[in-house]
Amino acid sequence: GELGHMVIDYGGRICGCGGLGHLEAYASRAAVVRTVIAGMRQGRQSSLSDLEPDPNPLDISQTQIRSKALGQAVERGDELAREMVETGGRYLGAGLVSIINFYNPPRIVLGGGMVQEVDLFFQIAARTAKQGALFAPAQSVEIVKAALGDNSGIIGAAVIATRHITENDKRASLP
């Protein structure tokens, strides 16, 4: 499943996939950067304006504001960056509440640049999830950062592919 495409606000923000109100449209780096840029357009000050000399970029994918820069801005006390990172973290936490309440997983492993580079984003998401979920699953779920960082997804895919190939080889060699 694509949990980032879980609808959290029916008819809300446009997601990169074209759908409306998906978690990814609120809790991804691109979403946080969009809100930071929107704040700069409204005249709010940010240390990130040096990375985004044009506060009106046509294509957000071309921005120089990456997760590490967001994390550094938060650490420097950038109020706009901090506010938008907290908002994105709360949205991620809200999405995790639904997953915890529905699935009751023993552990949730979060990865990606925002989780690895912006500790506040991870902290807010985990706290929001634990506070919002039903009592019993909230008490038992462990929310952790991916140990392999940004490489987690590709390594996981490689492991699954290897297992699939190995299982097919075993089946092919049976009499």
N, C-alpha and C. Protein backbone atom coordinates (compact mmCIF):
# COMPACT_ATOMS: atom_id res chain seq x y z
N GLY A 1 0.82 -1.21 0.00
CA GLY A 1 0.00 0.00 0.00
C GLY A 1 0.85 1.25 0.00
N GLU A 2 0.25 2.30 -0.41
CA GLU A 2 0.90 3.61 -0.42
C GLU A 2 0.26 4.45 0.68
N LEU A 3 0.81 4.38 1.88
CA LEU A 3 0.21 5.07 3.01
C LEU A 3 0.22 6.59 2.84
N GLY A 4 1.18 7.10 2.08
CA GLY A 4 1.22 8.54 1.82
C GLY A 4 0.03 9.03 1.02
N HIS A 5 -0.69 8.09 0.42
CA HIS A 5 -1.86 8.48 -0.38
C HIS A 5 -3.17 8.20 0.36
N MET A 6 -3.06 7.99 1.67
CA MET A 6 -4.24 7.91 2.52
C MET A 6 -4.87 9.31 2.55
N VAL A 7 -6.18 9.39 2.38
CA VAL A 7 -6.86 10.68 2.39
C VAL A 7 -7.04 11.14 3.83
N ILE A 8 -6.51 12.33 4.13
CA ILE A 8 -6.69 12.89 5.47
C ILE A 8 -7.54 14.16 5.44
N ASP A 9 -7.78 14.68 4.26
CA ASP A 9 -8.63 15.88 4.12
C ASP A 9 -9.33 15.80 2.77
N TYR A 10 -10.49 15.16 2.75
CA TYR A 10 -11.23 14.96 1.50
C TYR A 10 -11.42 16.30 0.80
N GLY A 11 -10.93 16.39 -0.42
CA GLY A 11 -11.03 17.62 -1.18
C GLY A 11 -9.96 18.64 -0.83
N GLY A 12 -8.96 18.22 -0.05
CA GLY A 12 -7.91 19.13 0.40
C GLY A 12 -6.85 19.40 -0.65
N ARG A 13 -5.63 19.63 -0.18
CA ARG A 13 -4.51 19.98 -1.06
C ARG A 13 -4.32 18.95 -2.17
N ILE A 14 -3.78 19.42 -3.29
CA ILE A 14 -3.48 18.54 -4.42
C ILE A 14 -2.17 17.82 -4.13
N CYS A 15 -2.20 16.51 -4.26
CA CYS A 15 -1.02 15.67 -4.07
C CYS A 15 -0.23 15.63 -5.38
N GLY A 16 1.02 15.24 -5.31
CA GLY A 16 1.84 15.09 -6.50
C GLY A 16 1.28 14.09 -7.50
N CYS A 17 0.45 13.16 -7.01
CA CYS A 17 -0.15 12.15 -7.89
C CYS A 17 -1.42 12.69 -8.56
N GLY A 18 -1.87 13.86 -8.14
CA GLY A 18 -3.08 14.46 -8.70
C GLY A 18 -4.31 14.28 -7.84
N GLY A 19 -4.23 13.40 -6.82
CA GLY A 19 -5.35 13.21 -5.90
C GLY A 19 -5.47 14.37 -4.93
N LEU A 20 -6.57 14.40 -4.23
CA LEU A 20 -6.82 15.49 -3.28
C LEU A 20 -6.78 15.00 -1.84
N GLY A 21 -6.13 15.78 -0.99
CA GLY A 21 -6.16 15.55 0.44
C GLY A 21 -5.32 14.40 0.95
N HIS A 22 -4.36 13.94 0.16
CA HIS A 22 -3.51 12.82 0.59
C HIS A 22 -2.52 13.28 1.66
N LEU A 23 -2.16 12.35 2.53
CA LEU A 23 -1.20 12.62 3.60
C LEU A 23 0.08 13.24 3.05
N GLU A 24 0.55 12.74 1.95
CA GLU A 24 1.78 13.24 1.33
C GLU A 24 1.71 14.72 0.98
N ALA A 25 0.52 15.22 0.69
CA ALA A 25 0.34 16.64 0.35
C ALA A 25 0.46 17.54 1.58
N TYR A 26 0.53 16.94 2.76
CA TYR A 26 0.61 17.68 4.01
C TYR A 26 1.85 17.39 4.83
N ALA A 27 2.42 16.19 4.68
CA ALA A 27 3.47 15.76 5.60
C ALA A 27 4.77 15.36 4.93
N SER A 28 4.99 15.75 3.70
CA SER A 28 6.25 15.43 3.01
C SER A 28 7.16 16.66 3.02
N ARG A 29 8.40 16.46 2.63
CA ARG A 29 9.31 17.60 2.51
C ARG A 29 8.74 18.62 1.54
N ALA A 30 8.24 18.15 0.41
CA ALA A 30 7.69 19.08 -0.58
C ALA A 30 6.54 19.89 0.01
N ALA A 31 5.70 19.25 0.82
CA ALA A 31 4.58 19.97 1.44
C ALA A 31 5.09 21.03 2.42
N VAL A 32 6.07 20.66 3.23
CA VAL A 32 6.62 21.62 4.20
C VAL A 32 7.29 22.77 3.45
N VAL A 33 8.05 22.46 2.41
CA VAL A 33 8.72 23.51 1.64
C VAL A 33 7.68 24.44 1.00
N ARG A 34 6.61 23.87 0.47
CA ARG A 34 5.56 24.71 -0.13
C ARG A 34 5.00 25.69 0.89
N THR A 35 4.79 25.22 2.11
CA THR A 35 4.23 26.12 3.13
C THR A 35 5.25 27.16 3.57
N VAL A 36 6.52 26.81 3.61
CA VAL A 36 7.57 27.79 3.93
C VAL A 36 7.62 28.85 2.84
N ILE A 37 7.61 28.42 1.59
CA ILE A 37 7.65 29.38 0.48
C ILE A 37 6.40 30.26 0.50
N ALA A 38 5.25 29.66 0.79
CA ALA A 38 4.02 30.46 0.89
C ALA A 38 4.15 31.53 1.97
N GLY A 39 4.76 31.16 3.09
CA GLY A 39 4.99 32.13 4.16
C GLY A 39 5.92 33.25 3.73
N MET A 40 6.97 32.91 2.98
CA MET A 40 7.90 33.93 2.48
C MET A 40 7.18 34.85 1.49
N ARG A 41 6.30 34.28 0.67
CA ARG A 41 5.53 35.10 -0.27
C ARG A 41 4.65 36.11 0.45
N GLN A 42 4.21 35.74 1.65
CA GLN A 42 3.37 36.63 2.45
C GLN A 42 4.20 37.62 3.25
N GLY A 43 5.52 37.60 3.05
CA GLY A 43 6.38 38.57 3.69
C GLY A 43 7.04 38.11 4.98
N ARG A 44 6.84 36.85 5.37
CA ARG A 44 7.49 36.35 6.58
C ARG A 44 8.97 36.11 6.32
N GLN A 45 9.77 36.37 7.32
CA GLN A 45 11.21 36.21 7.21
C GLN A 45 11.60 34.77 7.46
N SER A 46 12.62 34.31 6.75
CA SER A 46 13.16 32.97 6.94
C SER A 46 14.60 32.94 6.49
N SER A 47 15.41 32.21 7.23
CA SER A 47 16.81 32.03 6.83
C SER A 47 16.90 31.23 5.53
N LEU A 48 15.81 30.57 5.15
CA LEU A 48 15.79 29.76 3.93
C LEU A 48 15.63 30.62 2.68
N SER A 49 15.37 31.90 2.84
CA SER A 49 15.21 32.76 1.66
C SER A 49 16.49 32.84 0.84
N ASP A 50 17.65 32.59 1.48
CA ASP A 50 18.91 32.56 0.74
C ASP A 50 18.95 31.40 -0.26
N LEU A 51 18.28 30.29 0.08
CA LEU A 51 18.24 29.12 -0.80
C LEU A 51 17.15 29.24 -1.85
N GLU A 52 16.21 30.12 -1.62
CA GLU A 52 15.08 30.30 -2.53
C GLU A 52 14.99 31.78 -2.89
N PRO A 53 15.94 32.26 -3.72
CA PRO A 53 15.95 33.69 -4.03
C PRO A 53 14.68 34.15 -4.74
N ASP A 54 14.04 33.23 -5.45
CA ASP A 54 12.77 33.55 -6.10
C ASP A 54 11.67 32.98 -5.21
N PRO A 55 10.97 33.84 -4.44
CA PRO A 55 9.93 33.32 -3.55
C PRO A 55 8.69 32.85 -4.29
N ASN A 56 8.76 32.84 -5.61
CA ASN A 56 7.61 32.46 -6.42
C ASN A 56 8.02 31.43 -7.47
N PRO A 57 8.68 30.32 -7.06
CA PRO A 57 9.13 29.35 -8.06
C PRO A 57 7.95 28.68 -8.75
N LEU A 58 8.10 28.47 -10.04
CA LEU A 58 7.02 27.81 -10.79
C LEU A 58 6.99 26.32 -10.52
N ASP A 59 8.14 25.72 -10.31
CA ASP A 59 8.22 24.28 -10.11
C ASP A 59 8.90 24.00 -8.78
N ILE A 60 8.14 23.54 -7.79
CA ILE A 60 8.66 23.29 -6.45
C ILE A 60 9.77 22.25 -6.45
N SER A 61 9.77 21.36 -7.43
CA SER A 61 10.81 20.32 -7.48
C SER A 61 12.18 20.93 -7.78
N GLN A 62 12.20 22.16 -8.26
CA GLN A 62 13.46 22.82 -8.58
C GLN A 62 14.03 23.62 -7.41
N THR A 63 13.34 23.64 -6.29
CA THR A 63 13.81 24.42 -5.14
C THR A 63 15.09 23.83 -4.57
N GLN A 64 15.89 24.68 -3.97
CA GLN A 64 17.13 24.25 -3.32
C GLN A 64 16.91 23.91 -1.85
N ILE A 65 15.69 24.08 -1.36
CA ILE A 65 15.40 23.80 0.04
C ILE A 65 15.16 22.30 0.21
N ARG A 66 16.10 21.66 0.85
CA ARG A 66 16.04 20.22 1.10
C ARG A 66 15.86 19.97 2.60
N SER A 67 15.71 18.72 2.96
CA SER A 67 15.46 18.35 4.36
C SER A 67 16.56 18.85 5.29
N LYS A 68 17.81 18.68 4.90
CA LYS A 68 18.92 19.10 5.75
C LYS A 68 18.86 20.61 6.01
N ALA A 69 18.54 21.38 4.98
CA ALA A 69 18.43 22.83 5.15
C ALA A 69 17.28 23.19 6.09
N LEU A 70 16.17 22.47 5.99
CA LEU A 70 15.05 22.70 6.90
C LEU A 70 15.47 22.42 8.34
N GLY A 71 16.17 21.30 8.54
CA GLY A 71 16.64 20.95 9.88
C GLY A 71 17.58 21.99 10.44
N GLN A 72 18.49 22.48 9.62
CA GLN A 72 19.43 23.51 10.07
C GLN A 72 18.70 24.81 10.39
N ALA A 73 17.69 25.15 9.59
CA ALA A 73 16.92 26.37 9.84
C ALA A 73 16.19 26.27 11.18
N VAL A 74 15.61 25.10 11.45
CA VAL A 74 14.92 24.90 12.73
C VAL A 74 15.92 25.04 13.88
N GLU A 75 17.10 24.44 13.75
CA GLU A 75 18.13 24.52 14.79
C GLU A 75 18.61 25.94 15.01
N ARG A 76 18.61 26.76 13.96
CA ARG A 76 19.03 28.17 14.08
C ARG A 76 17.93 29.05 14.66
N GLY A 77 16.75 28.49 14.88
CA GLY A 77 15.67 29.28 15.46
C GLY A 77 14.78 29.97 14.45
N ASP A 78 14.79 29.51 13.21
CA ASP A 78 13.94 30.08 12.16
C ASP A 78 12.48 29.77 12.50
N GLU A 79 11.71 30.80 12.86
CA GLU A 79 10.32 30.61 13.30
C GLU A 79 9.43 30.05 12.21
N LEU A 80 9.57 30.54 10.98
CA LEU A 80 8.73 30.05 9.88
C LEU A 80 9.01 28.58 9.62
N ALA A 81 10.29 28.22 9.52
CA ALA A 81 10.65 26.82 9.27
C ALA A 81 10.14 25.94 10.41
N ARG A 82 10.33 26.37 11.63
CA ARG A 82 9.89 25.58 12.79
C ARG A 82 8.37 25.37 12.76
N GLU A 83 7.64 26.43 12.52
CA GLU A 83 6.18 26.34 12.49
C GLU A 83 5.70 25.37 11.42
N MET A 84 6.28 25.43 10.23
CA MET A 84 5.84 24.58 9.14
C MET A 84 6.28 23.13 9.33
N VAL A 85 7.45 22.93 9.93
CA VAL A 85 7.91 21.57 10.25
C VAL A 85 6.99 20.95 11.30
N GLU A 86 6.63 21.72 12.32
CA GLU A 86 5.71 21.22 13.34
C GLU A 86 4.36 20.86 12.73
N THR A 87 3.86 21.70 11.84
CA THR A 87 2.58 21.42 11.19
C THR A 87 2.66 20.13 10.38
N GLY A 88 3.71 19.98 9.59
CA GLY A 88 3.89 18.76 8.81
C GLY A 88 4.01 17.54 9.70
N GLY A 89 4.72 17.66 10.82
CA GLY A 89 4.86 16.56 11.77
C GLY A 89 3.53 16.17 12.39
N ARG A 90 2.69 17.17 12.69
CA ARG A 90 1.36 16.86 13.24
C ARG A 90 0.51 16.12 12.21
N TYR A 91 0.61 16.53 10.95
CA TYR A 91 -0.14 15.81 9.91
C TYR A 91 0.33 14.37 9.79
N LEU A 92 1.65 14.16 9.79
CA LEU A 92 2.16 12.79 9.73
C LEU A 92 1.67 12.00 10.93
N GLY A 93 1.73 12.60 12.11
CA GLY A 93 1.24 11.94 13.31
C GLY A 93 -0.23 11.57 13.20
N ALA A 94 -1.04 12.45 12.61
CA ALA A 94 -2.47 12.16 12.43
C ALA A 94 -2.66 10.97 11.51
N GLY A 95 -1.87 10.90 10.44
CA GLY A 95 -1.94 9.74 9.56
C GLY A 95 -1.55 8.46 10.29
N LEU A 96 -0.53 8.56 11.15
CA LEU A 96 -0.09 7.39 11.93
C LEU A 96 -1.16 6.95 12.91
N VAL A 97 -1.94 7.89 13.44
CA VAL A 97 -3.04 7.53 14.34
C VAL A 97 -3.98 6.56 13.63
N SER A 98 -4.32 6.87 12.39
CA SER A 98 -5.22 5.99 11.64
C SER A 98 -4.60 4.61 11.44
N ILE A 99 -3.33 4.57 11.15
CA ILE A 99 -2.65 3.29 10.94
C ILE A 99 -2.61 2.50 12.24
N ILE A 100 -2.27 3.16 13.34
CA ILE A 100 -2.20 2.49 14.64
C ILE A 100 -3.57 1.95 15.03
N ASN A 101 -4.60 2.79 14.90
CA ASN A 101 -5.94 2.36 15.31
C ASN A 101 -6.49 1.25 14.43
N PHE A 102 -6.14 1.25 13.16
CA PHE A 102 -6.65 0.23 12.24
C PHE A 102 -5.87 -1.07 12.34
N TYR A 103 -4.55 -0.95 12.34
CA TYR A 103 -3.70 -2.13 12.17
C TYR A 103 -3.08 -2.64 13.48
N ASN A 104 -2.93 -1.76 14.46
CA ASN A 104 -2.31 -2.11 15.74
C ASN A 104 -0.93 -2.74 15.55
N PRO A 105 -0.02 -2.05 14.82
CA PRO A 105 1.30 -2.63 14.59
C PRO A 105 2.17 -2.56 15.85
N PRO A 106 3.08 -3.50 16.02
CA PRO A 106 3.98 -3.44 17.17
C PRO A 106 5.04 -2.34 16.99
N ARG A 107 5.38 -2.04 15.73
CA ARG A 107 6.42 -1.05 15.46
C ARG A 107 6.09 -0.34 14.15
N ILE A 108 6.38 0.94 14.14
CA ILE A 108 6.30 1.73 12.91
C ILE A 108 7.70 2.29 12.67
N VAL A 109 8.24 2.03 11.49
CA VAL A 109 9.57 2.50 11.13
C VAL A 109 9.40 3.63 10.12
N LEU A 110 9.87 4.81 10.49
CA LEU A 110 9.77 5.97 9.61
C LEU A 110 11.13 6.28 9.01
N GLY A 111 11.13 6.56 7.72
CA GLY A 111 12.37 6.90 7.04
C GLY A 111 12.17 8.11 6.17
N GLY A 112 13.20 8.42 5.41
CA GLY A 112 13.15 9.56 4.51
C GLY A 112 13.94 10.74 5.06
N GLY A 113 14.19 11.67 4.20
CA GLY A 113 15.02 12.81 4.54
C GLY A 113 14.49 13.64 5.69
N MET A 114 13.18 13.89 5.72
CA MET A 114 12.62 14.71 6.79
C MET A 114 12.80 14.04 8.15
N VAL A 115 12.59 12.75 8.21
CA VAL A 115 12.75 12.03 9.48
C VAL A 115 14.21 12.01 9.89
N GLN A 116 15.11 11.80 8.95
CA GLN A 116 16.53 11.70 9.26
C GLN A 116 17.17 13.05 9.58
N GLU A 117 16.75 14.09 8.88
CA GLU A 117 17.44 15.39 8.98
C GLU A 117 16.75 16.41 9.88
N VAL A 118 15.46 16.20 10.17
CA VAL A 118 14.71 17.18 10.95
C VAL A 118 14.11 16.47 12.16
N ASP A 119 14.89 16.41 13.22
CA ASP A 119 14.49 15.65 14.40
C ASP A 119 13.14 16.14 14.94
N LEU A 120 12.88 17.43 14.89
CA LEU A 120 11.61 17.97 15.38
C LEU A 120 10.43 17.36 14.63
N PHE A 121 10.57 17.15 13.34
CA PHE A 121 9.51 16.55 12.53
C PHE A 121 9.17 15.16 13.05
N PHE A 122 10.19 14.34 13.29
CA PHE A 122 10.00 12.99 13.83
C PHE A 122 9.37 13.04 15.22
N GLN A 123 9.89 13.90 16.10
CA GLN A 123 9.39 14.00 17.47
C GLN A 123 7.91 14.38 17.50
N ILE A 124 7.54 15.38 16.72
CA ILE A 124 6.14 15.84 16.69
C ILE A 124 5.24 14.72 16.14
N ALA A 125 5.68 14.06 15.06
CA ALA A 125 4.88 12.99 14.46
C ALA A 125 4.66 11.86 15.46
N ALA A 126 5.72 11.41 16.12
CA ALA A 126 5.61 10.31 17.07
C ALA A 126 4.73 10.69 18.25
N ARG A 127 4.93 11.89 18.78
CA ARG A 127 4.12 12.33 19.92
C ARG A 127 2.64 12.46 19.55
N THR A 128 2.37 13.05 18.39
CA THR A 128 0.99 13.20 17.92
C THR A 128 0.33 11.84 17.75
N ALA A 129 1.06 10.90 17.17
CA ALA A 129 0.52 9.55 16.96
C ALA A 129 0.18 8.87 18.28
N LYS A 130 1.09 8.94 19.23
CA LYS A 130 0.88 8.29 20.53
C LYS A 130 -0.28 8.95 21.29
N GLN A 131 -0.39 10.27 21.20
CA GLN A 131 -1.45 10.99 21.91
C GLN A 131 -2.82 10.77 21.27
N GLY A 132 -2.85 10.59 19.96
CA GLY A 132 -4.13 10.51 19.26
C GLY A 132 -4.69 9.11 19.09
N ALA A 133 -3.83 8.12 19.19
CA ALA A 133 -4.29 6.73 18.97
C ALA A 133 -5.05 6.22 20.19
N LEU A 134 -5.81 5.17 19.97
CA LEU A 134 -6.50 4.51 21.07
C LEU A 134 -5.49 4.06 22.12
N PHE A 135 -5.90 4.04 23.37
CA PHE A 135 -4.98 3.83 24.48
C PHE A 135 -4.12 2.58 24.33
N ALA A 136 -4.74 1.42 24.17
CA ALA A 136 -3.98 0.16 24.16
C ALA A 136 -2.96 0.11 23.02
N PRO A 137 -3.36 0.37 21.76
CA PRO A 137 -2.34 0.32 20.71
C PRO A 137 -1.29 1.43 20.85
N ALA A 138 -1.69 2.58 21.37
CA ALA A 138 -0.72 3.68 21.55
C ALA A 138 0.35 3.29 22.56
N GLN A 139 -0.04 2.54 23.57
CA GLN A 139 0.92 2.11 24.61
C GLN A 139 1.89 1.06 24.09
N SER A 140 1.43 0.24 23.15
CA SER A 140 2.27 -0.88 22.72
C SER A 140 3.10 -0.59 21.47
N VAL A 141 2.71 0.40 20.66
CA VAL A 141 3.44 0.66 19.42
C VAL A 141 4.77 1.37 19.70
N GLU A 142 5.78 0.96 18.98
CA GLU A 142 7.09 1.60 19.04
C GLU A 142 7.27 2.35 17.72
N ILE A 143 7.59 3.62 17.79
CA ILE A 143 7.79 4.42 16.58
C ILE A 143 9.27 4.78 16.54
N VAL A 144 9.96 4.32 15.50
CA VAL A 144 11.41 4.48 15.41
C VAL A 144 11.81 5.02 14.04
N LYS A 145 13.03 5.55 14.00
CA LYS A 145 13.61 5.99 12.73
C LYS A 145 14.24 4.79 12.02
N ALA A 146 14.16 4.78 10.72
CA ALA A 146 14.78 3.72 9.92
C ALA A 146 16.29 3.75 10.15
N ALA A 147 16.85 2.61 10.46
CA ALA A 147 18.28 2.53 10.75
C ALA A 147 19.12 2.77 9.50
N LEU A 148 18.57 2.49 8.33
CA LEU A 148 19.33 2.61 7.09
C LEU A 148 19.12 3.95 6.40
N GLY A 149 18.42 4.87 7.06
CA GLY A 149 18.22 6.21 6.52
C GLY A 149 17.48 6.19 5.20
N ASP A 150 17.91 7.06 4.29
CA ASP A 150 17.25 7.20 2.99
C ASP A 150 17.38 5.95 2.13
N ASN A 151 18.29 5.05 2.48
CA ASN A 151 18.48 3.84 1.67
C ASN A 151 17.53 2.71 2.07
N SER A 152 16.73 2.91 3.10
CA SER A 152 15.85 1.85 3.60
C SER A 152 14.94 1.29 2.52
N GLY A 153 14.30 2.16 1.77
CA GLY A 153 13.35 1.71 0.75
C GLY A 153 13.99 0.85 -0.31
N ILE A 154 15.11 1.28 -0.82
CA ILE A 154 15.78 0.54 -1.90
C ILE A 154 16.36 -0.77 -1.37
N ILE A 155 16.88 -0.76 -0.14
CA ILE A 155 17.40 -1.99 0.44
C ILE A 155 16.26 -2.96 0.71
N GLY A 156 15.15 -2.47 1.22
CA GLY A 156 13.98 -3.32 1.45
C GLY A 156 13.49 -3.94 0.16
N ALA A 157 13.44 -3.15 -0.91
CA ALA A 157 13.01 -3.66 -2.21
C ALA A 157 13.97 -4.75 -2.70
N ALA A 158 15.26 -4.55 -2.50
CA ALA A 158 16.25 -5.54 -2.91
C ALA A 158 16.08 -6.84 -2.14
N VAL A 159 15.81 -6.73 -0.83
CA VAL A 159 15.59 -7.93 -0.01
C VAL A 159 14.36 -8.69 -0.50
N ILE A 160 13.27 -7.98 -0.76
CA ILE A 160 12.05 -8.63 -1.24
C ILE A 160 12.30 -9.30 -2.59
N ALA A 161 12.99 -8.61 -3.49
CA ALA A 161 13.28 -9.18 -4.81
C ALA A 161 14.14 -10.43 -4.68
N THR A 162 15.14 -10.38 -3.80
CA THR A 162 16.02 -11.53 -3.59
C THR A 162 15.24 -12.72 -3.06
N ARG A 163 14.35 -12.47 -2.10
CA ARG A 163 13.52 -13.55 -1.55
C ARG A 163 12.63 -14.14 -2.64
N HIS A 164 12.05 -13.28 -3.45
CA HIS A 164 11.17 -13.75 -4.53
C HIS A 164 11.94 -14.62 -5.52
N ILE A 165 13.12 -14.17 -5.90
CA ILE A 165 13.94 -14.93 -6.84
C ILE A 165 14.35 -16.26 -6.23
N THR A 166 14.76 -16.23 -4.96
CA THR A 166 15.18 -17.46 -4.27
C THR A 166 14.03 -18.46 -4.19
N GLU A 167 12.82 -17.97 -3.85
CA GLU A 167 11.65 -18.86 -3.77
C GLU A 167 11.33 -19.45 -5.13
N ASN A 168 11.40 -18.66 -6.18
CA ASN A 168 11.13 -19.15 -7.54
C ASN A 168 12.16 -20.17 -7.97
N ASP A 169 13.44 -19.94 -7.59
CA ASP A 169 14.50 -20.92 -7.91
C ASP A 169 14.24 -22.24 -7.21
N LYS A 170 13.79 -22.18 -5.95
CA LYS A 170 13.50 -23.40 -5.20
C LYS A 170 12.35 -24.17 -5.85
N ARG A 171 11.32 -23.44 -6.26
CA ARG A 171 10.17 -24.09 -6.89
C ARG A 171 10.57 -24.71 -8.23
N ALA A 172 11.41 -24.03 -8.96
CA ALA A 172 11.84 -24.53 -10.28
C ALA A 172 12.67 -25.80 -10.16
N SER A 173 13.39 -25.94 -9.04
CA SER A 173 14.25 -27.13 -8.89
C SER A 173 13.53 -28.32 -8.29
N LEU A 174 12.27 -28.15 -7.87
CA LEU A 174 11.51 -29.29 -7.33
C LEU A 174 11.12 -30.25 -8.46
N PRO A 175 11.14 -31.57 -8.14
CA PRO A 175 10.79 -32.55 -9.19
C PRO A 175 9.33 -32.52 -9.55
